[in-house]
Amino acid sequence: MKSYFEHRACGVKIIDMDWSGCELVEVVPGKVSGAPLLKGTRLPAETLIENVQAYMDDGQLLEEAILSTLESFPSTPGGAGTIRALFAYSESQDLLRRHQPAL
């Protein structure tokens, strides 16, 4: 279950985000075009990650950005804890990508 999202500040697409190891995310064919979604919702996981990153780009600290994102998406199941876990998972995937040898 790989996907990509576009970093707002630089317009670069971050490719191959592998959500298969994240128990909070599911892909349902035909639901929101098969995008990785927060389980039981129609909310793309990347939307939450992008929102946190946008707040951080505006100068907020991580925890402030998570709470601001929760204000933007108040019906997020699990609240700030879910957003925090998704962000941590995306950061771990980013670290893995950066440390993989080039093919």
PDB file of N, CA and C in Angstrom:
ATOM      1  N   MET A   1       0.849  -1.155   0.000  1.00  0.00           N
ATOM      2  CA  MET A   1       0.000   0.000   0.000  1.00  0.00           C
ATOM      3  C   MET A   1       0.903   1.228   0.000  1.00  0.00           C
ATOM      4  N   LYS A   2       1.396   1.585  -1.155  1.00  0.00           N
ATOM      5  CA  LYS A   2       2.283   2.729  -1.278  1.00  0.00           C
ATOM      6  C   LYS A   2       1.530   3.892  -1.886  1.00  0.00           C
ATOM      7  N   SER A   3       1.980   5.074  -1.562  1.00  0.00           N
ATOM      8  CA  SER A   3       1.333   6.268  -2.074  1.00  0.00           C
ATOM      9  C   SER A   3       2.359   7.389  -2.116  1.00  0.00           C
ATOM     10  N   TYR A   4       1.885   8.560  -2.476  1.00  0.00           N
ATOM     11  CA  TYR A   4       2.767   9.716  -2.464  1.00  0.00           C
ATOM     12  C   TYR A   4       1.985  10.918  -1.969  1.00  0.00           C
ATOM     13  N   PHE A   5       2.710  11.909  -1.516  1.00  0.00           N
ATOM     14  CA  PHE A   5       2.075  13.182  -1.243  1.00  0.00           C
ATOM     15  C   PHE A   5       3.024  14.276  -1.679  1.00  0.00           C
ATOM     16  N   GLU A   6       2.474  15.434  -1.909  1.00  0.00           N
ATOM     17  CA  GLU A   6       3.256  16.550  -2.401  1.00  0.00           C
ATOM     18  C   GLU A   6       3.576  17.491  -1.256  1.00  0.00           C
ATOM     19  N   HIS A   7       4.861  17.757  -1.056  1.00  0.00           N
ATOM     20  CA  HIS A   7       5.260  18.683  -0.003  1.00  0.00           C
ATOM     21  C   HIS A   7       4.882  20.091  -0.440  1.00  0.00           C
ATOM     22  N   ARG A   8       4.111  20.774   0.359  1.00  0.00           N
ATOM     23  CA  ARG A   8       3.569  22.075  -0.014  1.00  0.00           C
ATOM     24  C   ARG A   8       4.649  23.116  -0.273  1.00  0.00           C
ATOM     25  N   ALA A   9       5.662  23.150   0.564  1.00  0.00           N
ATOM     26  CA  ALA A   9       6.646  24.225   0.471  1.00  0.00           C
ATOM     27  C   ALA A   9       7.457  24.157  -0.815  1.00  0.00           C
ATOM     28  N   CYS A  10       7.839  22.943  -1.216  1.00  0.00           N
ATOM     29  CA  CYS A  10       8.718  22.853  -2.377  1.00  0.00           C
ATOM     30  C   CYS A  10       8.052  22.191  -3.576  1.00  0.00           C
ATOM     31  N   GLY A  11       6.842  21.659  -3.408  1.00  0.00           N
ATOM     32  CA  GLY A  11       6.140  21.062  -4.528  1.00  0.00           C
ATOM     33  C   GLY A  11       6.723  19.733  -4.975  1.00  0.00           C
ATOM     34  N   VAL A  12       7.552  19.127  -4.145  1.00  0.00           N
ATOM     35  CA  VAL A  12       8.183  17.857  -4.495  1.00  0.00           C
ATOM     36  C   VAL A  12       7.280  16.722  -4.034  1.00  0.00           C
ATOM     37  N   LYS A  13       7.058  15.764  -4.906  1.00  0.00           N
ATOM     38  CA  LYS A  13       6.267  14.611  -4.522  1.00  0.00           C
ATOM     39  C   LYS A  13       7.157  13.620  -3.778  1.00  0.00           C
ATOM     40  N   ILE A  14       6.674  13.201  -2.618  1.00  0.00           N
ATOM     41  CA  ILE A  14       7.378  12.195  -1.843  1.00  0.00           C
ATOM     42  C   ILE A  14       6.736  10.869  -2.211  1.00  0.00           C
ATOM     43  N   ILE A  15       7.502  10.034  -2.894  1.00  0.00           N
ATOM     44  CA  ILE A  15       6.951   8.837  -3.508  1.00  0.00           C
ATOM     45  C   ILE A  15       7.195   7.613  -2.642  1.00  0.00           C
ATOM     46  N   ASP A  16       6.286   6.677  -2.749  1.00  0.00           N
ATOM     47  CA  ASP A  16       6.417   5.374  -2.119  1.00  0.00           C
ATOM     48  C   ASP A  16       6.309   5.389  -0.602  1.00  0.00           C
ATOM     49  N   MET A  17       5.382   6.138  -0.069  1.00  0.00           N
ATOM     50  CA  MET A  17       5.087   6.041   1.351  1.00  0.00           C
ATOM     51  C   MET A  17       4.384   4.703   1.531  1.00  0.00           C
ATOM     52  N   ASP A  18       4.991   3.812   2.260  1.00  0.00           N
ATOM     53  CA  ASP A  18       4.448   2.473   2.466  1.00  0.00           C
ATOM     54  C   ASP A  18       3.645   2.456   3.765  1.00  0.00           C
ATOM     55  N   TRP A  19       2.337   2.422   3.633  1.00  0.00           N
ATOM     56  CA  TRP A  19       1.452   2.442   4.796  1.00  0.00           C
ATOM     57  C   TRP A  19       1.081   1.035   5.263  1.00  0.00           C
ATOM     58  N   SER A  20       1.592  -0.003   4.613  1.00  0.00           N
ATOM     59  CA  SER A  20       1.165  -1.370   4.935  1.00  0.00           C
ATOM     60  C   SER A  20       1.495  -1.780   6.368  1.00  0.00           C
ATOM     61  N   GLY A  21       2.480  -1.163   6.985  1.00  0.00           N
ATOM     62  CA  GLY A  21       2.836  -1.495   8.355  1.00  0.00           C
ATOM     63  C   GLY A  21       2.128  -0.662   9.401  1.00  0.00           C
ATOM     64  N   CYS A  22       1.244   0.202   8.978  1.00  0.00           N
ATOM     65  CA  CYS A  22       0.541   1.083   9.915  1.00  0.00           C
ATOM     66  C   CYS A  22      -0.869   0.550  10.152  1.00  0.00           C
ATOM     67  N   GLU A  23      -1.115   0.117  11.356  1.00  0.00           N
ATOM     68  CA  GLU A  23      -2.419  -0.480  11.674  1.00  0.00           C
ATOM     69  C   GLU A  23      -3.560   0.531  11.681  1.00  0.00           C
ATOM     70  N   LEU A  24      -3.251   1.802  11.610  1.00  0.00           N
ATOM     71  CA  LEU A  24      -4.286   2.840  11.603  1.00  0.00           C
ATOM     72  C   LEU A  24      -4.817   3.148  10.205  1.00  0.00           C
ATOM     73  N   VAL A  25      -4.170   2.569   9.177  1.00  0.00           N
ATOM     74  CA  VAL A  25      -4.465   2.934   7.792  1.00  0.00           C
ATOM     75  C   VAL A  25      -4.944   1.710   7.021  1.00  0.00           C
ATOM     76  N   GLU A  26      -5.888   1.942   6.101  1.00  0.00           N
ATOM     77  CA  GLU A  26      -6.388   0.885   5.233  1.00  0.00           C
ATOM     78  C   GLU A  26      -6.573   1.426   3.824  1.00  0.00           C
ATOM     79  N   VAL A  27      -6.536   0.510   2.871  1.00  0.00           N
ATOM     80  CA  VAL A  27      -6.857   0.846   1.483  1.00  0.00           C
ATOM     81  C   VAL A  27      -8.072   0.021   1.107  1.00  0.00           C
ATOM     82  N   VAL A  28      -9.107   0.701   0.664  1.00  0.00           N
ATOM     83  CA  VAL A  28     -10.329   0.037   0.228  1.00  0.00           C
ATOM     84  C   VAL A  28     -10.507   0.383  -1.245  1.00  0.00           C
ATOM     85  N   PRO A  29     -10.331  -0.619  -2.135  1.00  0.00           N
ATOM     86  CA  PRO A  29     -10.476  -0.326  -3.566  1.00  0.00           C
ATOM     87  C   PRO A  29     -11.814   0.359  -3.853  1.00  0.00           C
ATOM     88  N   GLY A  30     -11.737   1.429  -4.622  1.00  0.00           N
ATOM     89  CA  GLY A  30     -12.941   2.166  -4.991  1.00  0.00           C
ATOM     90  C   GLY A  30     -13.360   3.221  -3.984  1.00  0.00           C
ATOM     91  N   LYS A  31     -12.755   3.236  -2.819  1.00  0.00           N
ATOM     92  CA  LYS A  31     -13.082   4.238  -1.805  1.00  0.00           C
ATOM     93  C   LYS A  31     -12.004   5.314  -1.849  1.00  0.00           C
ATOM     94  N   VAL A  32     -12.385   6.529  -2.166  1.00  0.00           N
ATOM     95  CA  VAL A  32     -11.473   7.667  -2.315  1.00  0.00           C
ATOM     96  C   VAL A  32     -10.317   7.271  -3.254  1.00  0.00           C
ATOM     97  N   SER A  33     -10.691   6.688  -4.367  1.00  0.00           N
ATOM     98  CA  SER A  33      -9.744   6.293  -5.427  1.00  0.00           C
ATOM     99  C   SER A  33      -8.639   5.362  -4.941  1.00  0.00           C
ATOM    100  N   GLY A  34      -8.902   4.595  -3.908  1.00  0.00           N
ATOM    101  CA  GLY A  34      -7.914   3.634  -3.415  1.00  0.00           C
ATOM    102  C   GLY A  34      -6.798   4.257  -2.604  1.00  0.00           C
ATOM    103  N   ALA A  35      -6.971   5.506  -2.162  1.00  0.00           N
ATOM    104  CA  ALA A  35      -5.956   6.175  -1.346  1.00  0.00           C
ATOM    105  C   ALA A  35      -5.873   5.518   0.033  1.00  0.00           C
ATOM    106  N   PRO A  36      -4.692   5.513   0.651  1.00  0.00           N
ATOM    107  CA  PRO A  36      -4.582   5.029   2.031  1.00  0.00           C
ATOM    108  C   PRO A  36      -5.379   5.952   2.961  1.00  0.00           C
ATOM    109  N   LEU A  37      -6.340   5.366   3.663  1.00  0.00           N
ATOM    110  CA  LEU A  37      -7.263   6.131   4.496  1.00  0.00           C
ATOM    111  C   LEU A  37      -7.102   5.758   5.959  1.00  0.00           C
ATOM    112  N   LEU A  38      -7.434   6.703   6.823  1.00  0.00           N
ATOM    113  CA  LEU A  38      -7.542   6.397   8.233  1.00  0.00           C
ATOM    114  C   LEU A  38      -8.673   5.376   8.360  1.00  0.00           C
ATOM    115  N   LYS A  39      -8.404   4.260   9.026  1.00  0.00           N
ATOM    116  CA  LYS A  39      -9.383   3.168   9.097  1.00  0.00           C
ATOM    117  C   LYS A  39     -10.762   3.659   9.515  1.00  0.00           C
ATOM    118  N   GLY A  40     -11.757   3.165   8.780  1.00  0.00           N
ATOM    119  CA  GLY A  40     -13.143   3.465   9.083  1.00  0.00           C
ATOM    120  C   GLY A  40     -13.590   4.852   8.665  1.00  0.00           C
ATOM    121  N   THR A  41     -12.743   5.557   7.916  1.00  0.00           N
ATOM    122  CA  THR A  41     -13.091   6.914   7.490  1.00  0.00           C
ATOM    123  C   THR A  41     -12.850   7.053   5.991  1.00  0.00           C
ATOM    124  N   ARG A  42     -13.111   8.235   5.484  1.00  0.00           N
ATOM    125  CA  ARG A  42     -12.765   8.584   4.101  1.00  0.00           C
ATOM    126  C   ARG A  42     -11.638   9.618   4.100  1.00  0.00           C
ATOM    127  N   LEU A  43     -10.937   9.724   5.207  1.00  0.00           N
ATOM    128  CA  LEU A  43      -9.885  10.721   5.386  1.00  0.00           C
ATOM    129  C   LEU A  43      -8.524  10.142   4.996  1.00  0.00           C
ATOM    130  N   PRO A  44      -7.919  10.661   3.918  1.00  0.00           N
ATOM    131  CA  PRO A  44      -6.596  10.171   3.514  1.00  0.00           C
ATOM    132  C   PRO A  44      -5.549  10.459   4.593  1.00  0.00           C
ATOM    133  N   ALA A  45      -4.739   9.449   4.884  1.00  0.00           N
ATOM    134  CA  ALA A  45      -3.693   9.590   5.901  1.00  0.00           C
ATOM    135  C   ALA A  45      -2.761  10.750   5.556  1.00  0.00           C
ATOM    136  N   GLU A  46      -2.436  10.885   4.271  1.00  0.00           N
ATOM    137  CA  GLU A  46      -1.522  11.951   3.862  1.00  0.00           C
ATOM    138  C   GLU A  46      -2.086  13.338   4.145  1.00  0.00           C
ATOM    139  N   THR A  47      -3.402  13.476   4.132  1.00  0.00           N
ATOM    140  CA  THR A  47      -4.013  14.768   4.415  1.00  0.00           C
ATOM    141  C   THR A  47      -3.639  15.224   5.819  1.00  0.00           C
ATOM    142  N   LEU A  48      -3.698  14.311   6.761  1.00  0.00           N
ATOM    143  CA  LEU A  48      -3.328  14.657   8.134  1.00  0.00           C
ATOM    144  C   LEU A  48      -1.841  14.990   8.232  1.00  0.00           C
ATOM    145  N   ILE A  49      -1.000  14.189   7.567  1.00  0.00           N
ATOM    146  CA  ILE A  49       0.445  14.424   7.600  1.00  0.00           C
ATOM    147  C   ILE A  49       0.775  15.774   6.965  1.00  0.00           C
ATOM    148  N   GLU A  50       0.200  16.040   5.818  1.00  0.00           N
ATOM    149  CA  GLU A  50       0.446  17.318   5.135  1.00  0.00           C
ATOM    150  C   GLU A  50       0.007  18.492   5.993  1.00  0.00           C
ATOM    151  N   ASN A  51      -1.109  18.327   6.696  1.00  0.00           N
ATOM    152  CA  ASN A  51      -1.615  19.401   7.534  1.00  0.00           C
ATOM    153  C   ASN A  51      -0.656  19.683   8.680  1.00  0.00           C
ATOM    154  N   VAL A  52      -0.166  18.641   9.336  1.00  0.00           N
ATOM    155  CA  VAL A  52       0.817  18.817  10.411  1.00  0.00           C
ATOM    156  C   VAL A  52       2.056  19.526   9.857  1.00  0.00           C
ATOM    157  N   GLN A  53       2.540  19.063   8.705  1.00  0.00           N
ATOM    158  CA  GLN A  53       3.736  19.671   8.110  1.00  0.00           C
ATOM    159  C   GLN A  53       3.509  21.136   7.754  1.00  0.00           C
ATOM    160  N   ALA A  54       2.332  21.457   7.268  1.00  0.00           N
ATOM    161  CA  ALA A  54       2.036  22.848   6.906  1.00  0.00           C
ATOM    162  C   ALA A  54       2.073  23.746   8.143  1.00  0.00           C
ATOM    163  N   TYR A  55       1.503  23.275   9.244  1.00  0.00           N
ATOM    164  CA  TYR A  55       1.551  24.067  10.476  1.00  0.00           C
ATOM    165  C   TYR A  55       2.989  24.220  10.967  1.00  0.00           C
ATOM    166  N   MET A  56       3.787  23.163  10.833  1.00  0.00           N
ATOM    167  CA  MET A  56       5.189  23.247  11.244  1.00  0.00           C
ATOM    168  C   MET A  56       5.954  24.200  10.329  1.00  0.00           C
ATOM    169  N   ASP A  57       5.634  24.185   9.036  1.00  0.00           N
ATOM    170  CA  ASP A  57       6.258  25.125   8.098  1.00  0.00           C
ATOM    171  C   ASP A  57       5.932  26.571   8.480  1.00  0.00           C
ATOM    172  N   ASP A  58       4.789  26.758   9.124  1.00  0.00           N
ATOM    173  CA  ASP A  58       4.385  28.093   9.571  1.00  0.00           C
ATOM    174  C   ASP A  58       4.968  28.453  10.941  1.00  0.00           C
ATOM    175  N   GLY A  59       5.816  27.563  11.477  1.00  0.00           N
ATOM    176  CA  GLY A  59       6.520  27.875  12.709  1.00  0.00           C
ATOM    177  C   GLY A  59       6.016  27.201  13.965  1.00  0.00           C
ATOM    178  N   GLN A  60       4.985  26.379  13.853  1.00  0.00           N
ATOM    179  CA  GLN A  60       4.502  25.696  15.049  1.00  0.00           C
ATOM    180  C   GLN A  60       5.419  24.522  15.389  1.00  0.00           C
ATOM    181  N   LEU A  61       5.522  24.232  16.681  1.00  0.00           N
ATOM    182  CA  LEU A  61       6.215  23.038  17.128  1.00  0.00           C
ATOM    183  C   LEU A  61       5.327  21.832  16.826  1.00  0.00           C
ATOM    184  N   LEU A  62       5.912  20.647  16.838  1.00  0.00           N
ATOM    185  CA  LEU A  62       5.171  19.442  16.450  1.00  0.00           C
ATOM    186  C   LEU A  62       3.866  19.292  17.227  1.00  0.00           C
ATOM    187  N   GLU A  63       3.917  19.383  18.538  1.00  0.00           N
ATOM    188  CA  GLU A  63       2.700  19.161  19.329  1.00  0.00           C
ATOM    189  C   GLU A  63       1.638  20.217  19.030  1.00  0.00           C
ATOM    190  N   GLU A  64       2.056  21.456  18.833  1.00  0.00           N
ATOM    191  CA  GLU A  64       1.110  22.512  18.450  1.00  0.00           C
ATOM    192  C   GLU A  64       0.493  22.200  17.092  1.00  0.00           C
ATOM    193  N   ALA A  65       1.318  21.727  16.161  1.00  0.00           N
ATOM    194  CA  ALA A  65       0.840  21.399  14.817  1.00  0.00           C
ATOM    195  C   ALA A  65      -0.153  20.244  14.857  1.00  0.00           C
ATOM    196  N   ILE A  66       0.098  19.286  15.725  1.00  0.00           N
ATOM    197  CA  ILE A  66      -0.837  18.156  15.876  1.00  0.00           C
ATOM    198  C   ILE A  66      -2.175  18.655  16.403  1.00  0.00           C
ATOM    199  N   LEU A  67      -2.139  19.513  17.413  1.00  0.00           N
ATOM    200  CA  LEU A  67      -3.393  20.035  17.976  1.00  0.00           C
ATOM    201  C   LEU A  67      -4.126  20.937  16.984  1.00  0.00           C
ATOM    202  N   SER A  68      -3.376  21.705  16.209  1.00  0.00           N
ATOM    203  CA  SER A  68      -4.008  22.534  15.171  1.00  0.00           C
ATOM    204  C   SER A  68      -4.651  21.660  14.108  1.00  0.00           C
ATOM    205  N   THR A  69      -3.987  20.566  13.756  1.00  0.00           N
ATOM    206  CA  THR A  69      -4.545  19.628  12.781  1.00  0.00           C
ATOM    207  C   THR A  69      -5.826  19.008  13.325  1.00  0.00           C
ATOM    208  N   LEU A  70      -5.822  18.675  14.603  1.00  0.00           N
ATOM    209  CA  LEU A  70      -7.029  18.119  15.218  1.00  0.00           C
ATOM    210  C   LEU A  70      -8.175  19.135  15.176  1.00  0.00           C
ATOM    211  N   GLU A  71      -7.859  20.414  15.336  1.00  0.00           N
ATOM    212  CA  GLU A  71      -8.894  21.444  15.211  1.00  0.00           C
ATOM    213  C   GLU A  71      -9.451  21.478  13.792  1.00  0.00           C
ATOM    214  N   SER A  72      -8.589  21.223  12.803  1.00  0.00           N
ATOM    215  CA  SER A  72      -9.033  21.205  11.402  1.00  0.00           C
ATOM    216  C   SER A  72      -9.833  19.953  11.075  1.00  0.00           C
ATOM    217  N   PHE A  73      -9.528  18.855  11.764  1.00  0.00           N
ATOM    218  CA  PHE A  73     -10.198  17.567  11.528  1.00  0.00           C
ATOM    219  C   PHE A  73     -10.674  17.017  12.875  1.00  0.00           C
ATOM    220  N   PRO A  74     -11.664  17.678  13.494  1.00  0.00           N
ATOM    221  CA  PRO A  74     -12.071  17.312  14.855  1.00  0.00           C
ATOM    222  C   PRO A  74     -12.695  15.924  14.999  1.00  0.00           C
ATOM    223  N   SER A  75     -13.148  15.347  13.911  1.00  0.00           N
ATOM    224  CA  SER A  75     -13.768  14.017  14.017  1.00  0.00           C
ATOM    225  C   SER A  75     -12.757  12.888  13.789  1.00  0.00           C
ATOM    226  N   THR A  76     -11.459  13.200  13.839  1.00  0.00           N
ATOM    227  CA  THR A  76     -10.431  12.178  13.677  1.00  0.00           C
ATOM    228  C   THR A  76     -10.567  11.149  14.796  1.00  0.00           C
ATOM    229  N   PRO A  77     -10.847   9.877  14.444  1.00  0.00           N
ATOM    230  CA  PRO A  77     -10.958   8.851  15.480  1.00  0.00           C
ATOM    231  C   PRO A  77      -9.641   8.737  16.250  1.00  0.00           C
ATOM    232  N   GLY A  78      -9.724   8.758  17.566  1.00  0.00           N
ATOM    233  CA  GLY A  78      -8.530   8.656  18.386  1.00  0.00           C
ATOM    234  C   GLY A  78      -7.868   9.995  18.653  1.00  0.00           C
ATOM    235  N   GLY A  79      -8.372  11.051  18.024  1.00  0.00           N
ATOM    236  CA  GLY A  79      -7.905  12.401  18.282  1.00  0.00           C
ATOM    237  C   GLY A  79      -6.425  12.627  18.026  1.00  0.00           C
ATOM    238  N   ALA A  80      -5.811  13.417  18.898  1.00  0.00           N
ATOM    239  CA  ALA A  80      -4.409  13.805  18.727  1.00  0.00           C
ATOM    240  C   ALA A  80      -3.487  12.586  18.743  1.00  0.00           C
ATOM    241  N   GLY A  81      -3.839  11.560  19.501  1.00  0.00           N
ATOM    242  CA  GLY A  81      -3.015  10.350  19.555  1.00  0.00           C
ATOM    243  C   GLY A  81      -2.891   9.677  18.204  1.00  0.00           C
ATOM    244  N   THR A  82      -3.971   9.664  17.451  1.00  0.00           N
ATOM    245  CA  THR A  82      -3.950   9.074  16.109  1.00  0.00           C
ATOM    246  C   THR A  82      -3.078   9.906  15.179  1.00  0.00           C
ATOM    247  N   ILE A  83      -3.243  11.210  15.224  1.00  0.00           N
ATOM    248  CA  ILE A  83      -2.443  12.093  14.359  1.00  0.00           C
ATOM    249  C   ILE A  83      -0.968  11.952  14.712  1.00  0.00           C
ATOM    250  N   ARG A  84      -0.660  11.913  16.005  1.00  0.00           N
ATOM    251  CA  ARG A  84       0.716  11.741  16.470  1.00  0.00           C
ATOM    252  C   ARG A  84       1.302  10.433  15.953  1.00  0.00           C
ATOM    253  N   ALA A  85       0.533   9.354  16.040  1.00  0.00           N
ATOM    254  CA  ALA A  85       1.007   8.042  15.587  1.00  0.00           C
ATOM    255  C   ALA A  85       1.214   8.014  14.076  1.00  0.00           C
ATOM    256  N   LEU A  86       0.301   8.615  13.314  1.00  0.00           N
ATOM    257  CA  LEU A  86       0.466   8.676  11.862  1.00  0.00           C
ATOM    258  C   LEU A  86       1.713   9.469  11.486  1.00  0.00           C
ATOM    259  N   PHE A  87       1.928  10.589  12.169  1.00  0.00           N
ATOM    260  CA  PHE A  87       3.093  11.413  11.867  1.00  0.00           C
ATOM    261  C   PHE A  87       4.369  10.657  12.208  1.00  0.00           C
ATOM    262  N   ALA A  88       4.392   9.984  13.347  1.00  0.00           N
ATOM    263  CA  ALA A  88       5.569   9.199  13.735  1.00  0.00           C
ATOM    264  C   ALA A  88       5.836   8.096  12.721  1.00  0.00           C
ATOM    265  N   TYR A  89       4.777   7.441  12.258  1.00  0.00           N
ATOM    266  CA  TYR A  89       4.952   6.386  11.260  1.00  0.00           C
ATOM    267  C   TYR A  89       5.522   6.966   9.959  1.00  0.00           C
ATOM    268  N   SER A  90       4.989   8.094   9.520  1.00  0.00           N
ATOM    269  CA  SER A  90       5.478   8.689   8.273  1.00  0.00           C
ATOM    270  C   SER A  90       6.937   9.114   8.416  1.00  0.00           C
ATOM    271  N   GLU A  91       7.313   9.615   9.579  1.00  0.00           N
ATOM    272  CA  GLU A  91       8.706   9.998   9.812  1.00  0.00           C
ATOM    273  C   GLU A  91       9.611   8.765   9.802  1.00  0.00           C
ATOM    274  N   SER A  92       9.148   7.652  10.375  1.00  0.00           N
ATOM    275  CA  SER A  92       9.967   6.427  10.373  1.00  0.00           C
ATOM    276  C   SER A  92      10.151   5.915   8.947  1.00  0.00           C
ATOM    277  N   GLN A  93       9.121   6.035   8.124  1.00  0.00           N
ATOM    278  CA  GLN A  93       9.239   5.619   6.723  1.00  0.00           C
ATOM    279  C   GLN A  93      10.212   6.521   5.974  1.00  0.00           C
ATOM    280  N   ASP A  94      10.195   7.808   6.292  1.00  0.00           N
ATOM    281  CA  ASP A  94      11.112   8.744   5.660  1.00  0.00           C
ATOM    282  C   ASP A  94      12.553   8.403   6.027  1.00  0.00           C
ATOM    283  N   LEU A  95      12.796   8.063   7.287  1.00  0.00           N
ATOM    284  CA  LEU A  95      14.149   7.671   7.713  1.00  0.00           C
ATOM    285  C   LEU A  95      14.603   6.408   6.991  1.00  0.00           C
ATOM    286  N   LEU A  96      13.704   5.451   6.855  1.00  0.00           N
ATOM    287  CA  LEU A  96      14.052   4.209   6.148  1.00  0.00           C
ATOM    288  C   LEU A  96      14.428   4.493   4.702  1.00  0.00           C
ATOM    289  N   ARG A  97      13.660   5.361   4.040  1.00  0.00           N
ATOM    290  CA  ARG A  97      13.951   5.694   2.639  1.00  0.00           C
ATOM    291  C   ARG A  97      15.305   6.374   2.505  1.00  0.00           C
ATOM    292  N   ARG A  98      15.625   7.254   3.460  1.00  0.00           N
ATOM    293  CA  ARG A  98      16.881   7.991   3.379  1.00  0.00           C
ATOM    294  C   ARG A  98      18.096   7.104   3.619  1.00  0.00           C
ATOM    295  N   HIS A  99      17.899   5.999   4.337  1.00  0.00           N
ATOM    296  CA  HIS A  99      19.021   5.136   4.661  1.00  0.00           C
ATOM    297  C   HIS A  99      19.123   3.893   3.782  1.00  0.00           C
ATOM    298  N   GLN A 100      18.279   3.793   2.794  1.00  0.00           N
ATOM    299  CA  GLN A 100      18.374   2.668   1.862  1.00  0.00           C
ATOM    300  C   GLN A 100      19.439   2.978   0.822  1.00  0.00           C
ATOM    301  N   PRO A 101      20.262   1.979   0.493  1.00  0.00           N
ATOM    302  CA  PRO A 101      21.279   2.211  -0.516  1.00  0.00           C
ATOM    303  C   PRO A 101      20.644   2.458  -1.884  1.00  0.00           C
ATOM    304  N   ALA A 102      21.268   3.311  -2.659  1.00  0.00           N
ATOM    305  CA  ALA A 102      20.779   3.598  -4.013  1.00  0.00           C
ATOM    306  C   ALA A 102      20.937   2.376  -4.893  1.00  0.00           C
ATOM    307  N   LEU A 103      19.971   2.143  -5.748  1.00  0.00           N
ATOM    308  CA  LEU A 103      20.052   0.980  -6.656  1.00  0.00           C
ATOM    309  C   LEU A 103      20.803   1.317  -7.893  1.00  0.00           C
TER     310      LEU A 103
END
